[in-house]
Amino acid sequence: MLSTTDEEAGAMALMEFLLSPTAQEYFANETFEIPVIEGAELPVELPALDSLTLPEFDLNLLLDLQGTVDLLTEVGAL
């Protein structure tokens, strides 16, 4: 939430909804996003969040556009 908002109650309500089991299950089933809350049901196509491993590169390299391009080129994604 932005500290400059004039709609703090509305912003908080939106965040609470987006983190609700209903919304998280929708995102998992419709857009194949991994839920960020415990208890949301996953479709069989998605791995559990705790089963994922961290990448073996420094994520700080993604802070700038050229670093991101260089990293994607290095791993063969571009």
PDB file of N, CA and C in Angstrom:
ATOM      1  N   MET A   1       0.847  -1.163   0.000  1.00  0.00           N
ATOM      2  CA  MET A   1       0.000   0.000   0.000  1.00  0.00           C
ATOM      3  C   MET A   1       0.898   1.232   0.000  1.00  0.00           C
ATOM      4  N   LEU A   2       0.567   2.178  -0.810  1.00  0.00           N
ATOM      5  CA  LEU A   2       1.340   3.416  -0.857  1.00  0.00           C
ATOM      6  C   LEU A   2       1.048   4.272   0.368  1.00  0.00           C
ATOM      7  N   SER A   3       2.081   4.853   0.911  1.00  0.00           N
ATOM      8  CA  SER A   3       1.902   5.703   2.092  1.00  0.00           C
ATOM      9  C   SER A   3       1.148   6.982   1.752  1.00  0.00           C
ATOM     10  N   THR A   4       1.057   7.314   0.474  1.00  0.00           N
ATOM     11  CA  THR A   4       0.393   8.549   0.057  1.00  0.00           C
ATOM     12  C   THR A   4      -1.096   8.359  -0.239  1.00  0.00           C
ATOM     13  N   THR A   5      -1.617   7.155  -0.015  1.00  0.00           N
ATOM     14  CA  THR A   5      -3.016   6.897  -0.361  1.00  0.00           C
ATOM     15  C   THR A   5      -3.979   7.697   0.510  1.00  0.00           C
ATOM     16  N   ASP A   6      -5.063   8.097  -0.107  1.00  0.00           N
ATOM     17  CA  ASP A   6      -6.168   8.710   0.624  1.00  0.00           C
ATOM     18  C   ASP A   6      -7.255   7.673   0.885  1.00  0.00           C
ATOM     19  N   GLU A   7      -7.036   6.453   0.429  1.00  0.00           N
ATOM     20  CA  GLU A   7      -8.019   5.375   0.524  1.00  0.00           C
ATOM     21  C   GLU A   7      -7.453   4.178   1.292  1.00  0.00           C
ATOM     22  N   GLU A   8      -6.922   4.433   2.492  1.00  0.00           N
ATOM     23  CA  GLU A   8      -6.272   3.373   3.245  1.00  0.00           C
ATOM     24  C   GLU A   8      -7.217   2.201   3.541  1.00  0.00           C
ATOM     25  N   ALA A   9      -8.448   2.486   3.904  1.00  0.00           N
ATOM     26  CA  ALA A   9      -9.398   1.409   4.218  1.00  0.00           C
ATOM     27  C   ALA A   9      -9.692   0.573   2.978  1.00  0.00           C
ATOM     28  N   GLY A  10      -9.875   1.214   1.846  1.00  0.00           N
ATOM     29  CA  GLY A  10     -10.136   0.487   0.606  1.00  0.00           C
ATOM     30  C   GLY A  10      -8.938  -0.329   0.166  1.00  0.00           C
ATOM     31  N   ALA A  11      -7.743   0.238   0.310  1.00  0.00           N
ATOM     32  CA  ALA A  11      -6.523  -0.480  -0.053  1.00  0.00           C
ATOM     33  C   ALA A  11      -6.339  -1.693   0.843  1.00  0.00           C
ATOM     34  N   MET A  12      -6.601  -1.551   2.135  1.00  0.00           N
ATOM     35  CA  MET A  12      -6.474  -2.665   3.067  1.00  0.00           C
ATOM     36  C   MET A  12      -7.508  -3.744   2.743  1.00  0.00           C
ATOM     37  N   ALA A  13      -8.712  -3.346   2.402  1.00  0.00           N
ATOM     38  CA  ALA A  13      -9.741  -4.321   2.040  1.00  0.00           C
ATOM     39  C   ALA A  13      -9.338  -5.096   0.792  1.00  0.00           C
ATOM     40  N   LEU A  14      -8.745  -4.413  -0.180  1.00  0.00           N
ATOM     41  CA  LEU A  14      -8.286  -5.085  -1.391  1.00  0.00           C
ATOM     42  C   LEU A  14      -7.188  -6.087  -1.066  1.00  0.00           C
ATOM     43  N   MET A  15      -6.210  -5.683  -0.247  1.00  0.00           N
ATOM     44  CA  MET A  15      -5.126  -6.599   0.109  1.00  0.00           C
ATOM     45  C   MET A  15      -5.665  -7.809   0.867  1.00  0.00           C
ATOM     46  N   GLU A  16      -6.607  -7.583   1.778  1.00  0.00           N
ATOM     47  CA  GLU A  16      -7.190  -8.699   2.526  1.00  0.00           C
ATOM     48  C   GLU A  16      -7.918  -9.656   1.586  1.00  0.00           C
ATOM     49  N   PHE A  17      -8.629  -9.112   0.593  1.00  0.00           N
ATOM     50  CA  PHE A  17      -9.306  -9.971  -0.367  1.00  0.00           C
ATOM     51  C   PHE A  17      -8.303 -10.755  -1.205  1.00  0.00           C
ATOM     52  N   LEU A  18      -7.270 -10.074  -1.716  1.00  0.00           N
ATOM     53  CA  LEU A  18      -6.283 -10.747  -2.566  1.00  0.00           C
ATOM     54  C   LEU A  18      -5.555 -11.865  -1.828  1.00  0.00           C
ATOM     55  N   LEU A  19      -5.462 -11.766  -0.512  1.00  0.00           N
ATOM     56  CA  LEU A  19      -4.802 -12.793   0.290  1.00  0.00           C
ATOM     57  C   LEU A  19      -5.788 -13.790   0.895  1.00  0.00           C
ATOM     58  N   SER A  20      -7.055 -13.709   0.505  1.00  0.00           N
ATOM     59  CA  SER A  20      -8.054 -14.647   1.020  1.00  0.00           C
ATOM     60  C   SER A  20      -7.941 -15.987   0.287  1.00  0.00           C
ATOM     61  N   PRO A  21      -8.364 -17.074   0.923  1.00  0.00           N
ATOM     62  CA  PRO A  21      -8.335 -18.378   0.245  1.00  0.00           C
ATOM     63  C   PRO A  21      -9.098 -18.370  -1.084  1.00  0.00           C
ATOM     64  N   THR A  22     -10.227 -17.678  -1.140  1.00  0.00           N
ATOM     65  CA  THR A  22     -11.016 -17.627  -2.376  1.00  0.00           C
ATOM     66  C   THR A  22     -10.205 -17.009  -3.516  1.00  0.00           C
ATOM     67  N   ALA A  23      -9.592 -15.865  -3.265  1.00  0.00           N
ATOM     68  CA  ALA A  23      -8.812 -15.188  -4.312  1.00  0.00           C
ATOM     69  C   ALA A  23      -7.568 -15.987  -4.662  1.00  0.00           C
ATOM     70  N   GLN A  24      -6.878 -16.532  -3.661  1.00  0.00           N
ATOM     71  CA  GLN A  24      -5.659 -17.292  -3.924  1.00  0.00           C
ATOM     72  C   GLN A  24      -5.957 -18.556  -4.732  1.00  0.00           C
ATOM     73  N   GLU A  25      -7.076 -19.220  -4.442  1.00  0.00           N
ATOM     74  CA  GLU A  25      -7.442 -20.401  -5.232  1.00  0.00           C
ATOM     75  C   GLU A  25      -7.826 -20.009  -6.652  1.00  0.00           C
ATOM     76  N   TYR A  26      -8.476 -18.862  -6.822  1.00  0.00           N
ATOM     77  CA  TYR A  26      -8.786 -18.379  -8.169  1.00  0.00           C
ATOM     78  C   TYR A  26      -7.491 -18.179  -8.963  1.00  0.00           C
ATOM     79  N   PHE A  27      -6.533 -17.455  -8.380  1.00  0.00           N
ATOM     80  CA  PHE A  27      -5.276 -17.200  -9.086  1.00  0.00           C
ATOM     81  C   PHE A  27      -4.543 -18.503  -9.391  1.00  0.00           C
ATOM     82  N   ALA A  28      -4.579 -19.460  -8.481  1.00  0.00           N
ATOM     83  CA  ALA A  28      -3.900 -20.743  -8.704  1.00  0.00           C
ATOM     84  C   ALA A  28      -4.554 -21.513  -9.847  1.00  0.00           C
ATOM     85  N   ASN A  29      -5.866 -21.522  -9.882  1.00  0.00           N
ATOM     86  CA  ASN A  29      -6.579 -22.325 -10.872  1.00  0.00           C
ATOM     87  C   ASN A  29      -6.767 -21.642 -12.216  1.00  0.00           C
ATOM     88  N   GLU A  30      -6.834 -20.341 -12.225  1.00  0.00           N
ATOM     89  CA  GLU A  30      -7.113 -19.625 -13.471  1.00  0.00           C
ATOM     90  C   GLU A  30      -5.866 -19.035 -14.124  1.00  0.00           C
ATOM     91  N   THR A  31      -4.911 -18.585 -13.327  1.00  0.00           N
ATOM     92  CA  THR A  31      -3.718 -17.961 -13.895  1.00  0.00           C
ATOM     93  C   THR A  31      -2.445 -18.729 -13.531  1.00  0.00           C
ATOM     94  N   PHE A  32      -2.618 -19.856 -12.846  1.00  0.00           N
ATOM     95  CA  PHE A  32      -1.517 -20.755 -12.472  1.00  0.00           C
ATOM     96  C   PHE A  32      -0.428 -20.062 -11.662  1.00  0.00           C
ATOM     97  N   GLU A  33      -0.854 -19.170 -10.748  1.00  0.00           N
ATOM     98  CA  GLU A  33       0.071 -18.554  -9.809  1.00  0.00           C
ATOM     99  C   GLU A  33       0.109 -19.406  -8.549  1.00  0.00           C
ATOM    100  N   ILE A  34       1.271 -19.501  -7.939  1.00  0.00           N
ATOM    101  CA  ILE A  34       1.406 -20.281  -6.711  1.00  0.00           C
ATOM    102  C   ILE A  34       0.856 -19.455  -5.558  1.00  0.00           C
ATOM    103  N   PRO A  35      -0.078 -19.997  -4.774  1.00  0.00           N
ATOM    104  CA  PRO A  35      -0.645 -19.242  -3.650  1.00  0.00           C
ATOM    105  C   PRO A  35       0.434 -18.855  -2.640  1.00  0.00           C
ATOM    106  N   VAL A  36       0.236 -17.709  -2.009  1.00  0.00           N
ATOM    107  CA  VAL A  36       1.183 -17.236  -1.004  1.00  0.00           C
ATOM    108  C   VAL A  36       0.645 -17.415   0.410  1.00  0.00           C
ATOM    109  N   ILE A  37      -0.499 -18.076   0.540  1.00  0.00           N
ATOM    110  CA  ILE A  37      -1.040 -18.365   1.866  1.00  0.00           C
ATOM    111  C   ILE A  37      -1.160 -19.873   2.028  1.00  0.00           C
ATOM    112  N   GLU A  38      -1.078 -20.333   3.271  1.00  0.00           N
ATOM    113  CA  GLU A  38      -1.263 -21.753   3.541  1.00  0.00           C
ATOM    114  C   GLU A  38      -2.737 -22.107   3.420  1.00  0.00           C
ATOM    115  N   GLY A  39      -2.998 -23.320   2.968  1.00  0.00           N
ATOM    116  CA  GLY A  39      -4.362 -23.826   2.931  1.00  0.00           C
ATOM    117  C   GLY A  39      -5.089 -23.641   1.618  1.00  0.00           C
ATOM    118  N   ALA A  40      -4.565 -22.831   0.710  1.00  0.00           N
ATOM    119  CA  ALA A  40      -5.217 -22.671  -0.592  1.00  0.00           C
ATOM    120  C   ALA A  40      -4.917 -23.912  -1.421  1.00  0.00           C
ATOM    121  N   GLU A  41      -5.942 -24.449  -2.058  1.00  0.00           N
ATOM    122  CA  GLU A  41      -5.764 -25.666  -2.848  1.00  0.00           C
ATOM    123  C   GLU A  41      -5.065 -25.353  -4.164  1.00  0.00           C
ATOM    124  N   LEU A  42      -4.113 -26.222  -4.506  1.00  0.00           N
ATOM    125  CA  LEU A  42      -3.349 -26.077  -5.743  1.00  0.00           C
ATOM    126  C   LEU A  42      -3.875 -27.017  -6.818  1.00  0.00           C
ATOM    127  N   PRO A  43      -3.916 -26.578  -8.073  1.00  0.00           N
ATOM    128  CA  PRO A  43      -4.178 -27.538  -9.142  1.00  0.00           C
ATOM    129  C   PRO A  43      -2.971 -28.466  -9.261  1.00  0.00           C
ATOM    130  N   VAL A  44      -3.153 -29.639  -9.817  1.00  0.00           N
ATOM    131  CA  VAL A  44      -2.070 -30.620  -9.888  1.00  0.00           C
ATOM    132  C   VAL A  44      -0.894 -30.123 -10.726  1.00  0.00           C
ATOM    133  N   GLU A  45      -1.118 -29.161 -11.610  1.00  0.00           N
ATOM    134  CA  GLU A  45      -0.046 -28.656 -12.464  1.00  0.00           C
ATOM    135  C   GLU A  45       0.958 -27.789 -11.718  1.00  0.00           C
ATOM    136  N   LEU A  46       0.595 -27.275 -10.546  1.00  0.00           N
ATOM    137  CA  LEU A  46       1.469 -26.369  -9.821  1.00  0.00           C
ATOM    138  C   LEU A  46       2.208 -27.093  -8.703  1.00  0.00           C
ATOM    139  N   PRO A  47       3.501 -26.802  -8.556  1.00  0.00           N
ATOM    140  CA  PRO A  47       4.241 -27.379  -7.428  1.00  0.00           C
ATOM    141  C   PRO A  47       3.922 -26.608  -6.144  1.00  0.00           C
ATOM    142  N   ALA A  48       4.093 -27.249  -5.016  1.00  0.00           N
ATOM    143  CA  ALA A  48       3.939 -26.555  -3.740  1.00  0.00           C
ATOM    144  C   ALA A  48       5.065 -25.541  -3.598  1.00  0.00           C
ATOM    145  N   LEU A  49       4.764 -24.415  -3.001  1.00  0.00           N
ATOM    146  CA  LEU A  49       5.748 -23.342  -2.867  1.00  0.00           C
ATOM    147  C   LEU A  49       7.008 -23.828  -2.149  1.00  0.00           C
ATOM    148  N   ASP A  50       6.848 -24.661  -1.126  1.00  0.00           N
ATOM    149  CA  ASP A  50       8.023 -25.120  -0.374  1.00  0.00           C
ATOM    150  C   ASP A  50       8.832 -26.178  -1.119  1.00  0.00           C
ATOM    151  N   SER A  51       8.356 -26.624  -2.280  1.00  0.00           N
ATOM    152  CA  SER A  51       9.114 -27.604  -3.057  1.00  0.00           C
ATOM    153  C   SER A  51      10.057 -26.941  -4.068  1.00  0.00           C
ATOM    154  N   LEU A  52       9.935 -25.629  -4.220  1.00  0.00           N
ATOM    155  CA  LEU A  52      10.766 -24.910  -5.186  1.00  0.00           C
ATOM    156  C   LEU A  52      12.143 -24.623  -4.602  1.00  0.00           C
ATOM    157  N   THR A  53      13.135 -24.617  -5.454  1.00  0.00           N
ATOM    158  CA  THR A  53      14.486 -24.280  -5.016  1.00  0.00           C
ATOM    159  C   THR A  53      14.858 -22.899  -5.537  1.00  0.00           C
ATOM    160  N   LEU A  54      15.702 -22.228  -4.803  1.00  0.00           N
ATOM    161  CA  LEU A  54      16.136 -20.898  -5.215  1.00  0.00           C
ATOM    162  C   LEU A  54      17.073 -21.006  -6.406  1.00  0.00           C
ATOM    163  N   PRO A  55      17.046 -20.015  -7.280  1.00  0.00           N
ATOM    164  CA  PRO A  55      17.971 -20.032  -8.414  1.00  0.00           C
ATOM    165  C   PRO A  55      19.414 -19.943  -7.930  1.00  0.00           C
ATOM    166  N   GLU A  56      20.318 -20.426  -8.752  1.00  0.00           N
ATOM    167  CA  GLU A  56      21.723 -20.431  -8.379  1.00  0.00           C
ATOM    168  C   GLU A  56      22.462 -19.210  -8.913  1.00  0.00           C
ATOM    169  N   PHE A  57      21.795 -18.092  -8.965  1.00  0.00           N
ATOM    170  CA  PHE A  57      22.452 -16.858  -9.363  1.00  0.00           C
ATOM    171  C   PHE A  57      22.001 -15.738  -8.429  1.00  0.00           C
ATOM    172  N   ASP A  58      22.768 -14.701  -8.408  1.00  0.00           N
ATOM    173  CA  ASP A  58      22.505 -13.570  -7.528  1.00  0.00           C
ATOM    174  C   ASP A  58      21.323 -12.767  -8.062  1.00  0.00           C
ATOM    175  N   LEU A  59      20.206 -12.796  -7.342  1.00  0.00           N
ATOM    176  CA  LEU A  59      19.018 -12.070  -7.792  1.00  0.00           C
ATOM    177  C   LEU A  59      19.226 -10.558  -7.820  1.00  0.00           C
ATOM    178  N   ASN A  60      20.251 -10.075  -7.143  1.00  0.00           N
ATOM    179  CA  ASN A  60      20.554  -8.641  -7.200  1.00  0.00           C
ATOM    180  C   ASN A  60      20.944  -8.207  -8.602  1.00  0.00           C
ATOM    181  N   LEU A  61      21.329  -9.156  -9.460  1.00  0.00           N
ATOM    182  CA  LEU A  61      21.657  -8.817 -10.847  1.00  0.00           C
ATOM    183  C   LEU A  61      20.422  -8.351 -11.617  1.00  0.00           C
ATOM    184  N   LEU A  62      19.232  -8.581 -11.064  1.00  0.00           N
ATOM    185  CA  LEU A  62      17.999  -8.183 -11.742  1.00  0.00           C
ATOM    186  C   LEU A  62      17.585  -6.752 -11.408  1.00  0.00           C
ATOM    187  N   LEU A  63      18.399  -6.030 -10.634  1.00  0.00           N
ATOM    188  CA  LEU A  63      18.032  -4.677 -10.221  1.00  0.00           C
ATOM    189  C   LEU A  63      18.070  -3.659 -11.352  1.00  0.00           C
ATOM    190  N   ASP A  64      18.817  -3.945 -12.391  1.00  0.00           N
ATOM    191  CA  ASP A  64      18.878  -2.999 -13.502  1.00  0.00           C
ATOM    192  C   ASP A  64      18.588  -3.749 -14.803  1.00  0.00           C
ATOM    193  N   LEU A  65      18.106  -3.035 -15.783  1.00  0.00           N
ATOM    194  CA  LEU A  65      17.704  -3.643 -17.041  1.00  0.00           C
ATOM    195  C   LEU A  65      18.864  -4.345 -17.731  1.00  0.00           C
ATOM    196  N   GLN A  66      20.008  -3.703 -17.835  1.00  0.00           N
ATOM    197  CA  GLN A  66      21.126  -4.321 -18.547  1.00  0.00           C
ATOM    198  C   GLN A  66      21.612  -5.567 -17.822  1.00  0.00           C
ATOM    199  N   GLY A  67      21.644  -5.541 -16.503  1.00  0.00           N
ATOM    200  CA  GLY A  67      22.023  -6.728 -15.744  1.00  0.00           C
ATOM    201  C   GLY A  67      21.063  -7.875 -15.991  1.00  0.00           C
ATOM    202  N   THR A  68      19.771  -7.566 -16.103  1.00  0.00           N
ATOM    203  CA  THR A  68      18.772  -8.588 -16.380  1.00  0.00           C
ATOM    204  C   THR A  68      18.975  -9.162 -17.779  1.00  0.00           C
ATOM    205  N   VAL A  69      19.194  -8.309 -18.764  1.00  0.00           N
ATOM    206  CA  VAL A  69      19.438  -8.760 -20.140  1.00  0.00           C
ATOM    207  C   VAL A  69      20.686  -9.636 -20.193  1.00  0.00           C
ATOM    208  N   ASP A  70      21.755  -9.203 -19.517  1.00  0.00           N
ATOM    209  CA  ASP A  70      23.002  -9.983 -19.493  1.00  0.00           C
ATOM    210  C   ASP A  70      22.771 -11.344 -18.867  1.00  0.00           C
ATOM    211  N   LEU A  71      22.020 -11.397 -17.757  1.00  0.00           N
ATOM    212  CA  LEU A  71      21.760 -12.666 -17.084  1.00  0.00           C
ATOM    213  C   LEU A  71      20.913 -13.587 -17.955  1.00  0.00           C
ATOM    214  N   LEU A  72      19.878 -13.070 -18.578  1.00  0.00           N
ATOM    215  CA  LEU A  72      19.033 -13.886 -19.448  1.00  0.00           C
ATOM    216  C   LEU A  72      19.819 -14.393 -20.653  1.00  0.00           C
ATOM    217  N   THR A  73      20.719 -13.576 -21.160  1.00  0.00           N
ATOM    218  CA  THR A  73      21.578 -14.005 -22.266  1.00  0.00           C
ATOM    219  C   THR A  73      22.519 -15.109 -21.812  1.00  0.00           C
ATOM    220  N   GLU A  74      23.084 -14.950 -20.626  1.00  0.00           N
ATOM    221  CA  GLU A  74      24.021 -15.937 -20.079  1.00  0.00           C
ATOM    222  C   GLU A  74      23.374 -17.308 -19.885  1.00  0.00           C
ATOM    223  N   VAL A  75      22.112 -17.340 -19.453  1.00  0.00           N
ATOM    224  CA  VAL A  75      21.452 -18.620 -19.212  1.00  0.00           C
ATOM    225  C   VAL A  75      20.739 -19.148 -20.464  1.00  0.00           C
ATOM    226  N   GLY A  76      20.824 -18.409 -21.566  1.00  0.00           N
ATOM    227  CA  GLY A  76      20.260 -18.879 -22.818  1.00  0.00           C
ATOM    228  C   GLY A  76      18.795 -18.578 -23.026  1.00  0.00           C
ATOM    229  N   ALA A  77      18.250 -17.670 -22.246  1.00  0.00           N
ATOM    230  CA  ALA A  77      16.832 -17.336 -22.377  1.00  0.00           C
ATOM    231  C   ALA A  77      16.587 -16.272 -23.443  1.00  0.00           C
ATOM    232  N   LEU A  78      17.642 -15.613 -23.882  1.00  0.00           N
ATOM    233  CA  LEU A  78      17.487 -14.595 -24.945  1.00  0.00           C
ATOM    234  C   LEU A  78      18.339 -14.967 -26.130  1.00  0.00           C
TER     235      LEU A  78
END
